[in-house]
Amino acid sequence: MTICEGQSVILFGETFTEEGTWCRTTVGSTGCDSTVCLTLTVIPDPVADLSTNMNLCAGDTAWIMVNLDPDNTVFSWTDGWPDLERPFTPITTYVLILTDACGQPDSAVLFVDTWPPPIPDLGPDTTFCQDSFHVLQPLLPEGTISWMWSDSFPELERPVSAEGWYTLLVTDSCGQTGVDSVFLVSAFCGPCEWDIPNVFTPNSDGVNDVFRVYKNCDAVIHMRIYDRWGQVVFDETGQDPMWNGVARGVDQPMEVYAYVITLTWTEQGSEVRRGDVTLVR
């Protein structure tokens, strides 16, 4: 007996769905034994070796022979193409209808698209330390056949020691081009040299009128200053915070003030100094 996949046969009061031979022995009314066997053949669902997606260059045509299992499966293309070997062009969806021996239809669908433009990946904009270098390791898209740096650097992987824009142009097998650019910044990574004065004279004579940090690097400073009672008279963060001797709109008296200053020049580099400064008018 032959059935299609998904069907079943009931015999001997049992249900059979798998291919094979099954025998059962029964005793008749005369007392004699009799053996009945069932040989079951299951026809599998038809399968087409047709992928679900394909990419081609714009304007290209690919001829492909589609194989079926079982090979006697009835087929038909929804666009009326008569053969299993056929041309495929983008951008199109192809549907192959398969009909098994039991008349049950199934389908295989292939979407043909064009290759997207090739876009290389140079990574994010990056900051690297002065007196050091950063290595660019581009990731090339699938189908790339050639590449070129905008400054004609001869190697794909390149060390960079100067800050600025770096641009890579790629070409794929379809003749399409793509580009990516990255901006690299060279920064001081320390140790930062900095100096804190111990006296200042906020008397508006244009000389030493503010208390500030003198440094040789691009760093962020957090400056907090206390009076002799421990009250905060100045608290500021920035590239160059300055205290002019005024707190809450009032000129502060001549005396010694304590400070805590944190200087940060990279995410990994920072230093804290504590001390005092004398205000003289």
Protein backbone atom coordinates (compact mmCIF):
# COMPACT_ATOMS: atom_id res chain seq x y z
CA MET A 1 0.00 0.00 0.00
CA THR A 2 1.22 3.50 -0.77
CA ILE A 3 0.29 6.67 1.06
CA CYS A 4 1.59 10.23 1.07
CA GLU A 5 3.46 11.78 3.96
CA GLY A 6 1.01 12.94 6.62
CA GLN A 7 -1.59 10.28 5.77
CA SER A 8 -2.28 7.11 7.77
CA VAL A 9 -3.69 3.59 7.39
CA ILE A 10 -5.83 1.76 9.95
CA LEU A 11 -5.38 -2.03 10.00
CA PHE A 12 -5.71 -4.64 12.73
CA GLY A 13 -7.32 -1.86 14.77
CA GLU A 14 -4.04 0.04 14.65
CA THR A 15 -2.92 3.25 12.90
CA PHE A 16 0.20 3.17 10.71
CA THR A 17 2.00 6.29 9.38
CA GLU A 18 5.58 5.10 8.86
CA GLU A 19 7.02 3.13 5.99
CA GLY A 20 7.69 -0.60 6.64
CA THR A 21 6.16 -4.06 6.85
CA TRP A 22 3.97 -5.08 9.76
CA CYS A 23 2.49 -8.58 10.29
CA ARG A 24 -0.19 -9.74 12.68
CA THR A 25 -1.29 -13.36 13.48
CA THR A 26 -4.90 -14.13 14.23
CA VAL A 27 -6.83 -17.32 15.11
CA GLY A 28 -9.84 -18.09 12.92
CA SER A 29 -13.14 -19.71 13.84
CA THR A 30 -11.75 -23.10 12.87
CA GLY A 31 -8.89 -22.68 15.28
CA CYS A 32 -6.29 -22.21 12.56
CA ASP A 33 -3.74 -19.43 12.71
CA SER A 34 -3.48 -16.94 9.86
CA THR A 35 -0.88 -14.21 9.34
CA VAL A 36 -1.64 -10.95 7.55
CA CYS A 37 1.12 -8.53 6.59
CA LEU A 38 1.00 -4.86 5.59
CA THR A 39 3.78 -3.38 3.48
CA LEU A 40 3.47 0.37 3.60
CA THR A 41 5.26 2.82 1.30
CA VAL A 42 5.21 6.51 2.25
CA ILE A 43 5.77 9.07 -0.49
CA PRO A 44 7.58 12.04 1.09
CA ASP A 45 6.50 15.61 0.60
CA PRO A 46 8.12 17.07 -2.51
CA VAL A 47 11.18 19.27 -1.97
CA ALA A 48 12.85 21.69 -4.40
CA ASP A 49 16.53 22.61 -3.93
CA LEU A 50 15.62 26.26 -4.24
CA SER A 51 17.04 28.71 -1.75
CA THR A 52 14.85 31.45 -0.31
CA ASN A 53 17.07 34.39 -1.28
CA MET A 54 19.54 35.24 -4.04
CA ASN A 55 21.54 38.37 -4.81
CA LEU A 56 22.65 39.44 -8.29
CA CYS A 57 24.21 42.51 -9.79
CA ALA A 58 21.70 44.97 -11.23
CA GLY A 59 20.93 43.95 -14.84
CA ASP A 60 22.40 40.44 -14.48
CA THR A 61 20.62 37.15 -15.22
CA ALA A 62 21.38 33.78 -13.60
CA TRP A 63 20.31 30.46 -15.16
CA ILE A 64 19.67 27.79 -12.53
CA MET A 65 18.53 24.16 -12.77
CA VAL A 66 16.13 23.29 -9.94
CA ASN A 67 16.18 19.65 -8.80
CA LEU A 68 13.12 18.00 -7.26
CA ASP A 69 12.76 15.15 -4.79
CA PRO A 70 10.97 12.93 -5.74
CA ASP A 71 12.03 13.66 -9.30
CA ASN A 72 8.57 12.80 -10.66
CA THR A 73 6.93 15.61 -8.68
CA VAL A 74 4.52 17.71 -10.71
CA PHE A 75 5.65 21.34 -10.80
CA SER A 76 4.58 24.68 -12.20
CA TRP A 77 6.01 28.22 -12.01
CA THR A 78 3.44 30.89 -11.22
CA ASP A 79 4.80 33.03 -14.08
CA GLY A 80 4.22 30.15 -16.55
CA TRP A 81 7.87 29.24 -17.22
CA PRO A 82 7.73 25.64 -18.55
CA ASP A 83 11.02 24.12 -17.37
CA LEU A 84 12.94 23.51 -14.15
CA GLU A 85 15.96 25.24 -15.67
CA ARG A 86 15.19 28.92 -15.95
CA PRO A 87 16.57 32.47 -15.78
CA PHE A 88 16.42 34.57 -12.63
CA THR A 89 16.70 38.38 -12.60
CA PRO A 90 16.42 40.99 -9.83
CA ILE A 91 14.24 42.36 -8.33
CA THR A 92 11.68 39.52 -8.61
CA THR A 93 9.93 36.90 -6.48
CA TYR A 94 9.67 33.42 -8.06
CA VAL A 95 7.17 30.84 -6.79
CA LEU A 96 7.40 27.14 -7.69
CA ILE A 97 4.24 25.09 -7.02
CA LEU A 98 4.92 21.41 -6.21
CA THR A 99 2.18 18.77 -6.28
CA ASP A 100 2.74 15.33 -4.74
CA ALA A 101 1.28 12.01 -5.88
CA CYS A 102 -1.72 12.57 -3.64
CA GLY A 103 -2.52 15.88 -5.30
CA GLN A 104 -1.48 17.99 -2.31
CA PRO A 105 0.17 21.26 -3.39
CA ASP A 106 3.17 22.91 -1.72
CA SER A 107 5.39 25.77 -2.80
CA ALA A 108 8.98 27.00 -2.81
CA VAL A 109 9.63 30.75 -2.93
CA LEU A 110 12.79 32.53 -4.07
CA PHE A 111 13.32 36.28 -3.80
CA VAL A 112 16.02 37.68 -6.09
CA ASP A 113 17.45 41.03 -5.05
CA THR A 114 20.39 43.19 -6.10
CA TRP A 115 23.57 43.33 -4.05
CA PRO A 116 23.52 46.36 -1.74
CA PRO A 117 26.23 49.00 -2.22
CA PRO A 118 29.46 47.90 -0.52
CA ILE A 119 30.10 49.95 2.62
CA PRO A 120 33.40 49.34 4.45
CA ASP A 121 33.61 49.74 8.22
CA LEU A 122 36.47 51.75 9.69
CA GLY A 123 35.00 51.72 13.18
CA PRO A 124 33.96 54.72 15.28
CA ASP A 125 35.78 58.02 15.60
CA THR A 126 38.62 57.40 18.04
CA THR A 127 40.97 59.32 20.32
CA PHE A 128 44.52 58.03 20.74
CA CYS A 129 47.45 59.22 22.82
CA GLN A 130 50.07 61.61 21.54
CA ASP A 131 53.47 59.99 20.90
CA SER A 132 51.55 56.79 20.09
CA PHE A 133 49.46 55.51 17.18
CA HIS A 134 46.12 53.91 16.35
CA VAL A 135 45.80 50.97 13.94
CA LEU A 136 42.94 51.09 11.44
CA GLN A 137 41.68 47.59 10.61
CA PRO A 138 38.89 48.01 8.04
CA LEU A 139 36.14 45.44 7.62
CA LEU A 140 35.35 44.93 3.94
CA PRO A 141 31.83 44.00 2.76
CA GLU A 142 31.10 40.75 0.90
CA GLY A 143 31.95 40.94 -2.77
CA THR A 144 34.69 43.56 -2.46
CA ILE A 145 37.28 43.21 -5.22
CA SER A 146 39.31 46.40 -4.72
CA TRP A 147 39.91 49.17 -2.19
CA MET A 148 41.81 52.45 -2.04
CA TRP A 149 42.66 54.93 0.73
CA SER A 150 41.96 58.55 -0.18
CA ASP A 151 45.64 59.40 0.46
CA SER A 152 46.81 56.33 -1.56
CA PHE A 153 48.29 54.55 1.46
CA PRO A 154 49.37 51.15 0.04
CA GLU A 155 48.23 48.77 2.82
CA LEU A 156 44.68 48.00 3.95
CA GLU A 157 45.61 47.82 7.64
CA ARG A 158 47.44 50.97 8.60
CA PRO A 159 48.92 52.59 11.71
CA VAL A 160 47.94 56.23 12.20
CA SER A 161 49.95 58.75 14.23
CA ALA A 162 48.44 62.02 12.95
CA GLU A 163 44.93 63.15 13.77
CA GLY A 164 42.46 63.90 10.99
CA TRP A 165 40.01 62.29 8.57
CA TYR A 166 40.79 58.90 7.00
CA THR A 167 38.65 57.65 4.10
CA LEU A 168 38.48 54.25 2.40
CA LEU A 169 36.81 53.62 -0.98
CA VAL A 170 35.83 50.06 -2.04
CA THR A 171 34.48 48.52 -5.25
CA ASP A 172 32.53 45.26 -5.49
CA SER A 173 32.21 42.70 -8.27
CA CYS A 174 29.11 44.51 -9.58
CA GLY A 175 31.10 47.71 -10.10
CA GLN A 176 29.35 49.47 -7.22
CA THR A 177 31.41 51.72 -4.94
CA GLY A 178 31.10 52.55 -1.26
CA VAL A 179 33.00 54.71 1.19
CA ASP A 180 33.54 55.11 4.92
CA SER A 181 35.40 57.81 6.83
CA VAL A 182 36.65 58.05 10.40
CA PHE A 183 38.05 60.98 12.36
CA LEU A 184 40.98 60.29 14.67
CA VAL A 185 42.00 62.67 17.45
CA SER A 186 45.43 62.80 19.05
CA ALA A 187 45.22 63.72 22.75
CA PHE A 188 47.61 64.21 25.65
CA CYS A 189 47.43 61.13 27.86
CA GLY A 190 49.66 62.26 30.71
CA PRO A 191 51.18 62.38 33.06
CA CYS A 192 50.01 65.97 33.10
CA GLU A 193 52.27 68.63 34.57
CA TRP A 194 50.38 71.18 36.64
CA ASP A 195 51.11 73.82 39.23
CA ILE A 196 48.95 75.40 41.94
CA PRO A 197 49.91 78.82 43.37
CA ASN A 198 49.83 79.37 47.16
CA VAL A 199 48.72 83.00 47.10
CA PHE A 200 46.57 85.31 44.97
CA THR A 201 45.56 88.97 45.19
CA PRO A 202 42.02 89.70 43.93
CA ASN A 203 42.43 93.48 43.93
CA SER A 204 41.54 94.08 40.24
CA ASP A 205 45.02 95.29 39.27
CA GLY A 206 45.21 92.75 36.47
CA VAL A 207 47.98 90.75 38.17
CA ASN A 208 47.31 87.47 39.96
CA ASP A 209 43.66 88.44 40.47
CA VAL A 210 42.29 84.86 40.44
CA PHE A 211 43.21 81.51 41.92
CA ARG A 212 43.63 78.95 39.14
CA VAL A 213 45.58 75.85 38.08
CA TYR A 214 48.37 76.16 35.52
CA LYS A 215 48.75 73.03 33.37
CA ASN A 216 50.36 71.81 30.14
CA CYS A 217 47.61 69.44 29.02
CA ASP A 218 44.01 69.35 27.90
CA ALA A 219 42.41 68.26 31.16
CA VAL A 220 39.24 68.74 33.20
CA ILE A 221 39.63 70.31 36.63
CA HIS A 222 37.33 70.02 39.61
CA MET A 223 38.17 72.75 42.14
CA ARG A 224 36.58 72.96 45.59
CA ILE A 225 37.68 75.61 48.12
CA TYR A 226 36.81 75.86 51.85
CA ASP A 227 37.07 78.69 54.36
CA ARG A 228 38.52 78.16 57.83
CA TRP A 229 35.10 77.07 59.10
CA GLY A 230 34.87 74.29 56.52
CA GLN A 231 32.23 76.06 54.43
CA VAL A 232 32.49 75.65 50.66
CA VAL A 233 33.17 79.04 49.06
CA PHE A 234 33.87 77.78 45.52
CA ASP A 235 32.99 74.57 43.66
CA GLU A 236 33.38 74.34 39.90
CA THR A 237 34.37 71.86 37.20
CA GLY A 238 35.77 72.78 33.80
CA GLN A 239 38.83 73.22 31.65
CA ASP A 240 40.00 76.30 33.57
CA PRO A 241 37.96 77.13 36.70
CA MET A 242 39.02 80.35 38.47
CA TRP A 243 38.12 81.76 41.89
CA ASN A 244 38.07 85.52 42.17
CA GLY A 245 37.77 85.60 45.97
CA VAL A 246 34.01 86.12 45.96
CA ALA A 247 31.49 83.76 47.54
CA ARG A 248 27.72 84.23 47.41
CA GLY A 249 28.30 87.75 46.04
CA VAL A 250 30.52 88.84 48.91
CA ASP A 251 34.27 89.52 48.83
CA GLN A 252 35.88 87.02 51.17
CA PRO A 253 38.31 88.16 53.86
CA MET A 254 42.08 87.83 53.74
CA GLU A 255 42.92 84.45 55.21
CA VAL A 256 44.09 80.97 54.33
CA TYR A 257 41.65 78.75 52.36
CA ALA A 258 41.88 75.00 51.92
CA TYR A 259 41.33 73.35 48.55
CA VAL A 260 40.80 69.91 46.99
CA ILE A 261 41.59 69.87 43.28
CA THR A 262 41.12 66.89 40.95
CA LEU A 263 42.66 66.98 37.49
CA THR A 264 41.53 64.39 34.93
CA TRP A 265 43.34 64.14 31.58
CA THR A 266 42.02 60.81 30.24
CA GLU A 267 39.41 58.29 31.30
CA GLN A 268 42.23 56.35 32.97
CA GLY A 269 44.40 59.23 34.21
CA SER A 270 43.63 61.58 37.10
CA GLU A 271 45.29 63.10 40.15
CA VAL A 272 44.02 64.73 43.35
CA ARG A 273 45.88 67.43 45.28
CA ARG A 274 45.04 69.01 48.61
CA GLY A 275 46.53 72.15 50.02
CA ASP A 276 45.87 75.77 50.91
CA VAL A 277 46.04 79.17 49.30
CA THR A 278 46.30 82.61 50.94
CA LEU A 279 44.00 85.40 49.82
CA VAL A 280 45.74 88.80 50.03
CA ARG A 281 44.11 92.12 49.20
